[in-house]
Amino acid sequence: QAPNILFAMFFGPAAAGFFFMASRILCAPMSVVGNAIGQSFFAESAEAKRNGTLDKMAKKTVVKLFFIIIGPVMIIAIFGSEIFVYILGESWREAGVMAQWLSPMIVTQFITSPVGQLLAVKEKQLVGMVLQGVLTTLRILSIVIGYLYFDVVIATAIYSLSSVVGYILFLYFSLTSKILK
């Protein structure tokens, strides 16, 4: 919840509300689907590890997840502000703009979330903890940088892009067995 608190502290309750609404509307459906896929993936990953096919299964899952998410997120990335205005009213346009900027983060989060469980399967929880720390630090710094520029949209954009970097690192270390040995 640190982003919501920091947005409220630095940009005020209205900006925090817009950010919260944008992230909730984008993340809610993705987390339902992502959690279902993640549970299935985790159940199958132990068997795949025993068979030596874990990395191959994980890479196939990443590709499938990308193709599942890219269409809906592209619609939000292009038409997010108009969709928010249509559904919630003109006063929510800024939340729609934030949703547009959060779109790249949603793609990488959706792809990484189920496959991120590989670190637990590979018994590399310490790596996962370090990566979570890096992701959290990047996100907090991005909001602070946005605050220094006095712009909530810049903060949202940097937050999204830093999250993309964090999730890509998470995905890389989850899929790369050689580095983890």
N, C-alpha and C. Protein backbone atom coordinates (compact mmCIF):
# COMPACT_ATOMS: atom_id res chain seq x y z
N GLN A 1 0.81 -1.20 0.00
CA GLN A 1 0.00 0.00 0.00
C GLN A 1 0.85 1.26 0.00
N ALA A 2 2.18 1.11 -0.01
CA ALA A 2 3.06 2.28 0.01
C ALA A 2 2.78 3.26 -1.12
N PRO A 3 2.54 2.80 -2.36
CA PRO A 3 2.26 3.78 -3.42
C PRO A 3 1.05 4.66 -3.11
N ASN A 4 -0.02 4.06 -2.61
CA ASN A 4 -1.21 4.84 -2.29
C ASN A 4 -0.92 5.87 -1.21
N ILE A 5 -0.17 5.48 -0.20
CA ILE A 5 0.18 6.40 0.88
C ILE A 5 1.08 7.52 0.36
N LEU A 6 2.07 7.16 -0.44
CA LEU A 6 2.99 8.17 -0.98
C LEU A 6 2.28 9.12 -1.94
N PHE A 7 1.38 8.60 -2.77
CA PHE A 7 0.62 9.48 -3.67
C PHE A 7 -0.21 10.46 -2.85
N ALA A 8 -0.83 9.98 -1.78
CA ALA A 8 -1.64 10.87 -0.93
C ALA A 8 -0.75 11.90 -0.24
N MET A 9 0.38 11.48 0.25
CA MET A 9 1.28 12.37 0.97
C MET A 9 1.87 13.45 0.05
N PHE A 10 2.29 13.04 -1.15
CA PHE A 10 2.98 13.97 -2.05
C PHE A 10 2.03 14.77 -2.95
N PHE A 11 0.94 14.16 -3.37
CA PHE A 11 0.09 14.80 -4.38
C PHE A 11 -1.33 15.09 -3.91
N GLY A 12 -1.67 14.64 -2.71
CA GLY A 12 -2.99 14.90 -2.16
C GLY A 12 -3.94 13.73 -2.33
N PRO A 13 -5.07 13.79 -1.63
CA PRO A 13 -6.01 12.67 -1.63
C PRO A 13 -6.68 12.44 -2.99
N ALA A 14 -6.90 13.48 -3.77
CA ALA A 14 -7.53 13.28 -5.09
C ALA A 14 -6.63 12.47 -6.01
N ALA A 15 -5.35 12.83 -6.06
CA ALA A 15 -4.39 12.09 -6.90
C ALA A 15 -4.25 10.65 -6.42
N ALA A 16 -4.23 10.48 -5.10
CA ALA A 16 -4.14 9.12 -4.56
C ALA A 16 -5.38 8.31 -4.94
N GLY A 17 -6.54 8.96 -4.90
CA GLY A 17 -7.78 8.28 -5.31
C GLY A 17 -7.76 7.88 -6.77
N PHE A 18 -7.28 8.77 -7.62
CA PHE A 18 -7.17 8.45 -9.05
C PHE A 18 -6.22 7.28 -9.27
N PHE A 19 -5.07 7.33 -8.60
CA PHE A 19 -4.09 6.25 -8.74
C PHE A 19 -4.66 4.93 -8.24
N PHE A 20 -5.30 4.99 -7.07
CA PHE A 20 -5.89 3.79 -6.49
C PHE A 20 -6.95 3.20 -7.42
N MET A 21 -7.83 4.06 -7.94
CA MET A 21 -8.90 3.59 -8.83
C MET A 21 -8.32 2.99 -10.11
N ALA A 22 -7.34 3.67 -10.70
CA ALA A 22 -6.73 3.16 -11.93
C ALA A 22 -6.08 1.80 -11.69
N SER A 23 -5.29 1.70 -10.63
CA SER A 23 -4.60 0.43 -10.39
C SER A 23 -5.58 -0.68 -10.01
N ARG A 24 -6.62 -0.38 -9.24
CA ARG A 24 -7.60 -1.39 -8.86
C ARG A 24 -8.39 -1.89 -10.06
N ILE A 25 -8.82 -0.97 -10.90
CA ILE A 25 -9.61 -1.37 -12.06
C ILE A 25 -8.77 -2.23 -13.00
N LEU A 26 -7.49 -1.91 -13.14
CA LEU A 26 -6.63 -2.70 -14.02
C LEU A 26 -6.21 -4.02 -13.38
N CYS A 27 -5.91 -3.98 -12.11
CA CYS A 27 -5.34 -5.17 -11.46
C CYS A 27 -6.38 -6.21 -11.05
N ALA A 28 -7.59 -5.79 -10.72
CA ALA A 28 -8.58 -6.74 -10.22
C ALA A 28 -8.84 -7.89 -11.19
N PRO A 29 -9.23 -7.62 -12.45
CA PRO A 29 -9.48 -8.76 -13.34
C PRO A 29 -8.22 -9.55 -13.66
N MET A 30 -7.10 -8.84 -13.74
CA MET A 30 -5.84 -9.52 -14.05
C MET A 30 -5.41 -10.44 -12.92
N SER A 31 -5.65 -10.03 -11.67
CA SER A 31 -5.23 -10.87 -10.56
C SER A 31 -6.09 -12.11 -10.44
N VAL A 32 -7.37 -12.01 -10.77
CA VAL A 32 -8.24 -13.20 -10.73
C VAL A 32 -7.74 -14.25 -11.72
N VAL A 33 -7.51 -13.81 -12.95
CA VAL A 33 -7.03 -14.72 -13.99
C VAL A 33 -5.61 -15.18 -13.67
N GLY A 34 -4.76 -14.23 -13.27
CA GLY A 34 -3.36 -14.55 -12.97
C GLY A 34 -3.22 -15.52 -11.81
N ASN A 35 -4.04 -15.34 -10.76
CA ASN A 35 -3.98 -16.26 -9.62
C ASN A 35 -4.40 -17.67 -10.01
N ALA A 36 -5.43 -17.78 -10.82
CA ALA A 36 -5.88 -19.10 -11.28
C ALA A 36 -4.78 -19.78 -12.09
N ILE A 37 -4.17 -19.03 -12.99
CA ILE A 37 -3.09 -19.59 -13.80
C ILE A 37 -1.90 -19.93 -12.91
N GLY A 38 -1.60 -19.05 -11.96
CA GLY A 38 -0.47 -19.28 -11.05
C GLY A 38 -0.64 -20.53 -10.21
N GLN A 39 -1.84 -20.78 -9.72
CA GLN A 39 -2.09 -21.98 -8.93
C GLN A 39 -1.92 -23.24 -9.77
N SER A 40 -2.42 -23.18 -10.99
CA SER A 40 -2.26 -24.30 -11.90
C SER A 40 -0.78 -24.52 -12.24
N PHE A 41 -0.10 -23.42 -12.52
CA PHE A 41 1.32 -23.49 -12.86
C PHE A 41 2.12 -24.08 -11.70
N PHE A 42 1.84 -23.60 -10.49
CA PHE A 42 2.58 -24.09 -9.31
C PHE A 42 2.35 -25.58 -9.10
N ALA A 43 1.11 -26.02 -9.29
CA ALA A 43 0.80 -27.44 -9.12
C ALA A 43 1.55 -28.30 -10.14
N GLU A 44 1.65 -27.82 -11.36
CA GLU A 44 2.33 -28.58 -12.42
C GLU A 44 3.85 -28.43 -12.37
N SER A 45 4.35 -27.40 -11.71
CA SER A 45 5.78 -27.13 -11.74
C SER A 45 6.61 -28.16 -10.97
N ALA A 46 6.07 -28.70 -9.90
CA ALA A 46 6.82 -29.71 -9.14
C ALA A 46 7.08 -30.94 -10.00
N GLU A 47 6.05 -31.38 -10.74
CA GLU A 47 6.21 -32.52 -11.65
C GLU A 47 7.18 -32.18 -12.77
N ALA A 48 7.07 -30.98 -13.31
CA ALA A 48 7.97 -30.56 -14.39
C ALA A 48 9.41 -30.48 -13.91
N LYS A 49 9.60 -30.09 -12.66
CA LYS A 49 10.96 -30.05 -12.10
C LYS A 49 11.55 -31.45 -12.03
N ARG A 50 10.73 -32.41 -11.60
CA ARG A 50 11.21 -33.80 -11.53
C ARG A 50 11.53 -34.34 -12.92
N ASN A 51 10.73 -33.93 -13.92
CA ASN A 51 10.94 -34.42 -15.29
C ASN A 51 12.03 -33.66 -16.04
N GLY A 52 12.50 -32.56 -15.47
CA GLY A 52 13.51 -31.74 -16.15
C GLY A 52 12.93 -30.83 -17.22
N THR A 53 11.62 -30.60 -17.19
CA THR A 53 10.98 -29.77 -18.20
C THR A 53 10.46 -28.45 -17.64
N LEU A 54 10.92 -28.08 -16.45
CA LEU A 54 10.39 -26.89 -15.78
C LEU A 54 10.66 -25.61 -16.57
N ASP A 55 11.89 -25.44 -17.02
CA ASP A 55 12.22 -24.21 -17.75
C ASP A 55 11.45 -24.10 -19.05
N LYS A 56 11.30 -25.21 -19.74
CA LYS A 56 10.54 -25.21 -21.00
C LYS A 56 9.07 -24.88 -20.75
N MET A 57 8.49 -25.47 -19.71
CA MET A 57 7.09 -25.21 -19.36
C MET A 57 6.91 -23.74 -18.97
N ALA A 58 7.87 -23.20 -18.21
CA ALA A 58 7.78 -21.80 -17.77
C ALA A 58 7.83 -20.85 -18.97
N LYS A 59 8.71 -21.10 -19.90
CA LYS A 59 8.83 -20.22 -21.07
C LYS A 59 7.57 -20.28 -21.94
N LYS A 60 6.98 -21.46 -22.08
CA LYS A 60 5.71 -21.58 -22.81
C LYS A 60 4.60 -20.81 -22.09
N THR A 61 4.59 -20.88 -20.77
CA THR A 61 3.59 -20.17 -19.99
C THR A 61 3.73 -18.66 -20.17
N VAL A 62 4.96 -18.17 -20.18
CA VAL A 62 5.20 -16.74 -20.38
C VAL A 62 4.64 -16.28 -21.72
N VAL A 63 4.88 -17.04 -22.76
CA VAL A 63 4.38 -16.68 -24.09
C VAL A 63 2.85 -16.68 -24.10
N LYS A 64 2.24 -17.70 -23.52
CA LYS A 64 0.78 -17.77 -23.46
C LYS A 64 0.20 -16.59 -22.68
N LEU A 65 0.81 -16.27 -21.55
CA LEU A 65 0.33 -15.16 -20.74
C LEU A 65 0.43 -13.84 -21.50
N PHE A 66 1.51 -13.67 -22.25
CA PHE A 66 1.67 -12.45 -23.03
C PHE A 66 0.53 -12.29 -24.03
N PHE A 67 0.20 -13.35 -24.73
CA PHE A 67 -0.87 -13.27 -25.73
C PHE A 67 -2.26 -13.12 -25.10
N ILE A 68 -2.42 -13.60 -23.88
CA ILE A 68 -3.70 -13.41 -23.18
C ILE A 68 -3.89 -11.94 -22.80
N ILE A 69 -2.83 -11.30 -22.34
CA ILE A 69 -2.96 -9.96 -21.75
C ILE A 69 -2.79 -8.82 -22.75
N ILE A 70 -2.07 -9.03 -23.82
CA ILE A 70 -1.68 -7.89 -24.66
C ILE A 70 -2.88 -7.19 -25.30
N GLY A 71 -3.90 -7.90 -25.72
CA GLY A 71 -5.07 -7.27 -26.34
C GLY A 71 -5.82 -6.34 -25.41
N PRO A 72 -6.28 -6.85 -24.25
CA PRO A 72 -6.99 -5.96 -23.33
C PRO A 72 -6.16 -4.77 -22.86
N VAL A 73 -4.88 -4.99 -22.62
CA VAL A 73 -4.04 -3.89 -22.14
C VAL A 73 -3.79 -2.86 -23.24
N MET A 74 -3.68 -3.29 -24.47
CA MET A 74 -3.52 -2.33 -25.57
C MET A 74 -4.74 -1.42 -25.67
N ILE A 75 -5.91 -1.97 -25.45
CA ILE A 75 -7.13 -1.15 -25.47
C ILE A 75 -7.07 -0.09 -24.37
N ILE A 76 -6.63 -0.48 -23.17
CA ILE A 76 -6.50 0.48 -22.07
C ILE A 76 -5.40 1.50 -22.39
N ALA A 77 -4.29 1.03 -22.94
CA ALA A 77 -3.18 1.93 -23.24
C ALA A 77 -3.58 3.00 -24.25
N ILE A 78 -4.44 2.65 -25.18
CA ILE A 78 -4.83 3.60 -26.23
C ILE A 78 -6.05 4.42 -25.82
N PHE A 79 -7.05 3.78 -25.23
CA PHE A 79 -8.33 4.44 -24.96
C PHE A 79 -8.65 4.58 -23.48
N GLY A 80 -7.67 4.42 -22.60
CA GLY A 80 -7.93 4.39 -21.16
C GLY A 80 -8.69 5.59 -20.63
N SER A 81 -8.26 6.79 -20.99
CA SER A 81 -8.95 7.97 -20.44
C SER A 81 -10.39 8.05 -20.93
N GLU A 82 -10.62 7.71 -22.20
CA GLU A 82 -11.99 7.74 -22.74
C GLU A 82 -12.87 6.66 -22.09
N ILE A 83 -12.29 5.50 -21.82
CA ILE A 83 -13.04 4.43 -21.18
C ILE A 83 -13.44 4.84 -19.76
N PHE A 84 -12.50 5.41 -19.02
CA PHE A 84 -12.80 5.86 -17.66
C PHE A 84 -13.87 6.94 -17.66
N VAL A 85 -13.79 7.88 -18.61
CA VAL A 85 -14.79 8.94 -18.69
C VAL A 85 -16.15 8.34 -19.02
N TYR A 86 -16.20 7.40 -19.93
CA TYR A 86 -17.47 6.78 -20.33
C TYR A 86 -18.11 6.02 -19.17
N ILE A 87 -17.28 5.28 -18.43
CA ILE A 87 -17.82 4.44 -17.36
C ILE A 87 -18.05 5.22 -16.07
N LEU A 88 -17.08 6.07 -15.70
CA LEU A 88 -17.13 6.72 -14.38
C LEU A 88 -17.47 8.21 -14.43
N GLY A 89 -17.37 8.82 -15.60
CA GLY A 89 -17.66 10.25 -15.70
C GLY A 89 -16.41 11.08 -15.95
N GLU A 90 -16.63 12.30 -16.38
CA GLU A 90 -15.53 13.19 -16.76
C GLU A 90 -14.54 13.44 -15.63
N SER A 91 -15.02 13.44 -14.41
CA SER A 91 -14.13 13.74 -13.28
C SER A 91 -13.06 12.65 -13.06
N TRP A 92 -13.22 11.51 -13.72
CA TRP A 92 -12.25 10.41 -13.57
C TRP A 92 -11.27 10.31 -14.73
N ARG A 93 -11.20 11.33 -15.58
CA ARG A 93 -10.29 11.31 -16.74
C ARG A 93 -8.84 11.09 -16.31
N GLU A 94 -8.43 11.78 -15.24
CA GLU A 94 -7.04 11.64 -14.80
C GLU A 94 -6.73 10.20 -14.38
N ALA A 95 -7.68 9.52 -13.79
CA ALA A 95 -7.49 8.10 -13.46
C ALA A 95 -7.30 7.28 -14.73
N GLY A 96 -8.03 7.65 -15.79
CA GLY A 96 -7.86 6.97 -17.07
C GLY A 96 -6.49 7.20 -17.67
N VAL A 97 -5.98 8.42 -17.54
CA VAL A 97 -4.62 8.72 -18.01
C VAL A 97 -3.61 7.90 -17.21
N MET A 98 -3.82 7.82 -15.91
CA MET A 98 -2.93 6.99 -15.09
C MET A 98 -3.01 5.53 -15.51
N ALA A 99 -4.21 5.07 -15.82
CA ALA A 99 -4.37 3.68 -16.27
C ALA A 99 -3.60 3.44 -17.56
N GLN A 100 -3.61 4.43 -18.45
CA GLN A 100 -2.85 4.29 -19.68
C GLN A 100 -1.36 4.12 -19.37
N TRP A 101 -0.85 4.92 -18.44
CA TRP A 101 0.56 4.81 -18.08
C TRP A 101 0.87 3.52 -17.32
N LEU A 102 -0.10 3.00 -16.60
CA LEU A 102 0.12 1.76 -15.84
C LEU A 102 0.05 0.51 -16.72
N SER A 103 -0.41 0.65 -17.94
CA SER A 103 -0.58 -0.50 -18.84
C SER A 103 0.67 -1.34 -19.02
N PRO A 104 1.85 -0.76 -19.30
CA PRO A 104 3.04 -1.61 -19.44
C PRO A 104 3.33 -2.43 -18.18
N MET A 105 3.11 -1.81 -17.01
CA MET A 105 3.33 -2.52 -15.76
C MET A 105 2.39 -3.71 -15.64
N ILE A 106 1.14 -3.53 -16.06
CA ILE A 106 0.15 -4.59 -15.96
C ILE A 106 0.57 -5.80 -16.80
N VAL A 107 1.10 -5.54 -17.99
CA VAL A 107 1.55 -6.64 -18.85
C VAL A 107 2.63 -7.45 -18.14
N THR A 108 3.67 -6.77 -17.67
CA THR A 108 4.78 -7.50 -17.04
C THR A 108 4.37 -8.13 -15.71
N GLN A 109 3.50 -7.47 -14.97
CA GLN A 109 3.02 -8.04 -13.71
C GLN A 109 2.22 -9.31 -13.98
N PHE A 110 1.34 -9.29 -14.97
CA PHE A 110 0.51 -10.44 -15.30
C PHE A 110 1.37 -11.63 -15.73
N ILE A 111 2.40 -11.34 -16.51
CA ILE A 111 3.27 -12.41 -17.01
C ILE A 111 4.14 -12.96 -15.89
N THR A 112 4.65 -12.08 -15.05
CA THR A 112 5.61 -12.48 -14.02
C THR A 112 4.96 -13.16 -12.82
N SER A 113 3.77 -12.75 -12.47
CA SER A 113 3.15 -13.24 -11.24
C SER A 113 3.08 -14.77 -11.15
N PRO A 114 2.50 -15.47 -12.12
CA PRO A 114 2.45 -16.93 -12.00
C PRO A 114 3.83 -17.58 -12.10
N VAL A 115 4.64 -17.08 -13.03
CA VAL A 115 5.96 -17.69 -13.26
C VAL A 115 6.93 -17.33 -12.14
N GLY A 116 6.65 -16.25 -11.43
CA GLY A 116 7.51 -15.85 -10.32
C GLY A 116 7.58 -16.89 -9.22
N GLN A 117 6.65 -17.80 -9.20
CA GLN A 117 6.67 -18.87 -8.21
C GLN A 117 7.79 -19.87 -8.46
N LEU A 118 8.46 -19.74 -9.60
CA LEU A 118 9.57 -20.63 -9.90
C LEU A 118 10.68 -20.53 -8.86
N LEU A 119 10.88 -19.34 -8.33
CA LEU A 119 11.93 -19.18 -7.32
C LEU A 119 11.66 -20.05 -6.10
N ALA A 120 10.41 -20.19 -5.73
CA ALA A 120 10.07 -21.07 -4.61
C ALA A 120 10.28 -22.54 -4.99
N VAL A 121 9.87 -22.89 -6.20
CA VAL A 121 10.03 -24.27 -6.67
C VAL A 121 11.52 -24.63 -6.75
N LYS A 122 12.33 -23.65 -7.19
CA LYS A 122 13.78 -23.87 -7.30
C LYS A 122 14.50 -23.64 -5.99
N GLU A 123 13.74 -23.38 -4.92
CA GLU A 123 14.27 -23.15 -3.58
C GLU A 123 15.25 -21.97 -3.55
N LYS A 124 14.86 -20.89 -4.20
CA LYS A 124 15.67 -19.66 -4.26
C LYS A 124 14.86 -18.48 -3.71
N GLN A 125 14.28 -18.68 -2.55
CA GLN A 125 13.45 -17.65 -1.94
C GLN A 125 14.25 -16.39 -1.60
N LEU A 126 15.53 -16.54 -1.27
CA LEU A 126 16.36 -15.37 -0.97
C LEU A 126 16.47 -14.46 -2.18
N VAL A 127 16.63 -15.05 -3.36
CA VAL A 127 16.68 -14.27 -4.60
C VAL A 127 15.36 -13.53 -4.77
N GLY A 128 14.25 -14.21 -4.52
CA GLY A 128 12.94 -13.58 -4.62
C GLY A 128 12.78 -12.42 -3.66
N MET A 129 13.28 -12.59 -2.44
CA MET A 129 13.19 -11.53 -1.45
C MET A 129 14.01 -10.30 -1.89
N VAL A 130 15.21 -10.54 -2.39
CA VAL A 130 16.05 -9.43 -2.86
C VAL A 130 15.36 -8.71 -4.02
N LEU A 131 14.79 -9.47 -4.94
CA LEU A 131 14.11 -8.87 -6.09
C LEU A 131 12.88 -8.07 -5.65
N GLN A 132 12.15 -8.55 -4.66
CA GLN A 132 11.02 -7.79 -4.12
C GLN A 132 11.50 -6.48 -3.50
N GLY A 133 12.64 -6.54 -2.83
CA GLY A 133 13.22 -5.33 -2.25
C GLY A 133 13.62 -4.33 -3.33
N VAL A 134 14.21 -4.83 -4.41
CA VAL A 134 14.58 -3.96 -5.54
C VAL A 134 13.34 -3.34 -6.15
N LEU A 135 12.31 -4.14 -6.38
CA LEU A 135 11.07 -3.64 -6.96
C LEU A 135 10.43 -2.57 -6.08
N THR A 136 10.37 -2.81 -4.80
CA THR A 136 9.79 -1.84 -3.86
C THR A 136 10.60 -0.55 -3.85
N THR A 137 11.92 -0.67 -3.83
CA THR A 137 12.78 0.52 -3.84
C THR A 137 12.60 1.32 -5.12
N LEU A 138 12.57 0.64 -6.27
CA LEU A 138 12.36 1.34 -7.54
C LEU A 138 11.03 2.09 -7.55
N ARG A 139 10.00 1.45 -7.04
CA ARG A 139 8.67 2.07 -7.02
C ARG A 139 8.63 3.30 -6.12
N ILE A 140 9.21 3.19 -4.94
CA ILE A 140 9.21 4.34 -4.03
C ILE A 140 10.02 5.48 -4.62
N LEU A 141 11.19 5.17 -5.17
CA LEU A 141 12.01 6.22 -5.80
C LEU A 141 11.28 6.89 -6.96
N SER A 142 10.53 6.13 -7.71
CA SER A 142 9.82 6.71 -8.86
C SER A 142 8.78 7.73 -8.41
N ILE A 143 8.10 7.45 -7.32
CA ILE A 143 7.10 8.39 -6.81
C ILE A 143 7.79 9.64 -6.26
N VAL A 144 8.92 9.46 -5.58
CA VAL A 144 9.67 10.60 -5.07
C VAL A 144 10.16 11.47 -6.22
N ILE A 145 10.67 10.85 -7.28
CA ILE A 145 11.13 11.61 -8.45
C ILE A 145 9.96 12.38 -9.07
N GLY A 146 8.82 11.75 -9.19
CA GLY A 146 7.62 12.44 -9.69
C GLY A 146 7.26 13.62 -8.81
N TYR A 147 7.39 13.45 -7.51
CA TYR A 147 7.11 14.54 -6.58
C TYR A 147 8.07 15.70 -6.79
N LEU A 148 9.34 15.37 -7.01
CA LEU A 148 10.34 16.43 -7.23
C LEU A 148 10.03 17.23 -8.50
N TYR A 149 9.38 16.59 -9.44
CA TYR A 149 8.96 17.30 -10.67
C TYR A 149 7.54 17.85 -10.53
N PHE A 150 6.91 17.66 -9.36
CA PHE A 150 5.58 18.18 -9.06
C PHE A 150 4.53 17.74 -10.07
N ASP A 151 4.62 16.50 -10.51
CA ASP A 151 3.67 16.04 -11.52
C ASP A 151 3.26 14.60 -11.23
N VAL A 152 1.97 14.41 -10.98
CA VAL A 152 1.45 13.10 -10.64
C VAL A 152 1.49 12.15 -11.84
N VAL A 153 1.32 12.68 -13.04
CA VAL A 153 1.37 11.81 -14.22
C VAL A 153 2.80 11.33 -14.46
N ILE A 154 3.78 12.21 -14.27
CA ILE A 154 5.18 11.79 -14.39
C ILE A 154 5.49 10.72 -13.33
N ALA A 155 5.00 10.92 -12.12
CA ALA A 155 5.21 9.93 -11.06
C ALA A 155 4.60 8.58 -11.46
N THR A 156 3.41 8.62 -12.03
CA THR A 156 2.74 7.38 -12.45
C THR A 156 3.51 6.70 -13.58
N ALA A 157 3.97 7.49 -14.54
CA ALA A 157 4.72 6.93 -15.67
C ALA A 157 6.03 6.30 -15.20
N ILE A 158 6.75 7.01 -14.34
CA ILE A 158 8.02 6.47 -13.85
C ILE A 158 7.77 5.25 -12.96
N TYR A 159 6.70 5.30 -12.18
CA TYR A 159 6.32 4.16 -11.35
C TYR A 159 6.08 2.93 -12.23
N SER A 160 5.33 3.11 -13.30
CA SER A 160 5.03 2.01 -14.20
C SER A 160 6.30 1.47 -14.85
N LEU A 161 7.12 2.37 -15.37
CA LEU A 161 8.33 1.93 -16.06
C LEU A 161 9.34 1.29 -15.11
N SER A 162 9.44 1.80 -13.89
CA SER A 162 10.34 1.15 -12.92
C SER A 162 9.80 -0.22 -12.51
N SER A 163 8.48 -0.33 -12.45
CA SER A 163 7.88 -1.64 -12.16
C SER A 163 8.16 -2.63 -13.28
N VAL A 164 8.11 -2.15 -14.52
CA VAL A 164 8.43 -3.00 -15.67
C VAL A 164 9.86 -3.53 -15.53
N VAL A 165 10.80 -2.65 -15.18
CA VAL A 165 12.19 -3.07 -15.00
C VAL A 165 12.28 -4.11 -13.88
N GLY A 166 11.62 -3.86 -12.78
CA GLY A 166 11.64 -4.81 -11.67
C GLY A 166 11.05 -6.16 -12.04
N TYR A 167 9.93 -6.14 -12.74
CA TYR A 167 9.30 -7.41 -13.14
C TYR A 167 10.13 -8.15 -14.18
N ILE A 168 10.79 -7.43 -15.07
CA ILE A 168 11.66 -8.09 -16.04
C ILE A 168 12.84 -8.76 -15.32
N LEU A 169 13.40 -8.08 -14.33
CA LEU A 169 14.46 -8.71 -13.54
C LEU A 169 13.94 -9.96 -12.83
N PHE A 170 12.77 -9.86 -12.27
CA PHE A 170 12.15 -10.99 -11.59
C PHE A 170 11.95 -12.15 -12.56
N LEU A 171 11.44 -11.84 -13.74
CA LEU A 171 11.21 -12.86 -14.76
C LEU A 171 12.53 -13.49 -15.21
N TYR A 172 13.52 -12.65 -15.43
CA TYR A 172 14.83 -13.14 -15.87
C TYR A 172 15.41 -14.13 -14.86
N PHE A 173 15.43 -13.73 -13.59
CA PHE A 173 16.00 -14.60 -12.58
C PHE A 173 15.14 -15.83 -12.33
N SER A 174 13.86 -15.74 -12.55
CA SER A 174 12.98 -16.90 -12.39
C SER A 174 13.21 -17.92 -13.50
N LEU A 175 13.46 -17.43 -14.70
CA LEU A 175 13.62 -18.33 -15.85
C LEU A 175 15.04 -18.80 -16.08
N THR A 176 16.01 -18.16 -15.44
CA THR A 176 17.40 -18.48 -15.70
C THR A 176 17.94 -19.36 -14.58
N SER A 177 18.01 -20.63 -14.88
CA SER A 177 18.47 -21.60 -13.87
C SER A 177 19.98 -21.49 -13.63
N LYS A 178 20.73 -21.19 -14.67
CA LYS A 178 22.19 -21.20 -14.56
C LYS A 178 22.68 -20.19 -13.53
N ILE A 179 22.06 -19.03 -13.51
CA ILE A 179 22.50 -18.00 -12.57
C ILE A 179 22.17 -18.41 -11.14
N LEU A 180 21.13 -19.16 -10.97
CA LEU A 180 20.68 -19.51 -9.63
C LEU A 180 21.38 -20.73 -9.04
N LYS A 181 22.19 -21.41 -9.83
CA LYS A 181 22.85 -22.63 -9.32
C LYS A 181 24.01 -22.27 -8.41
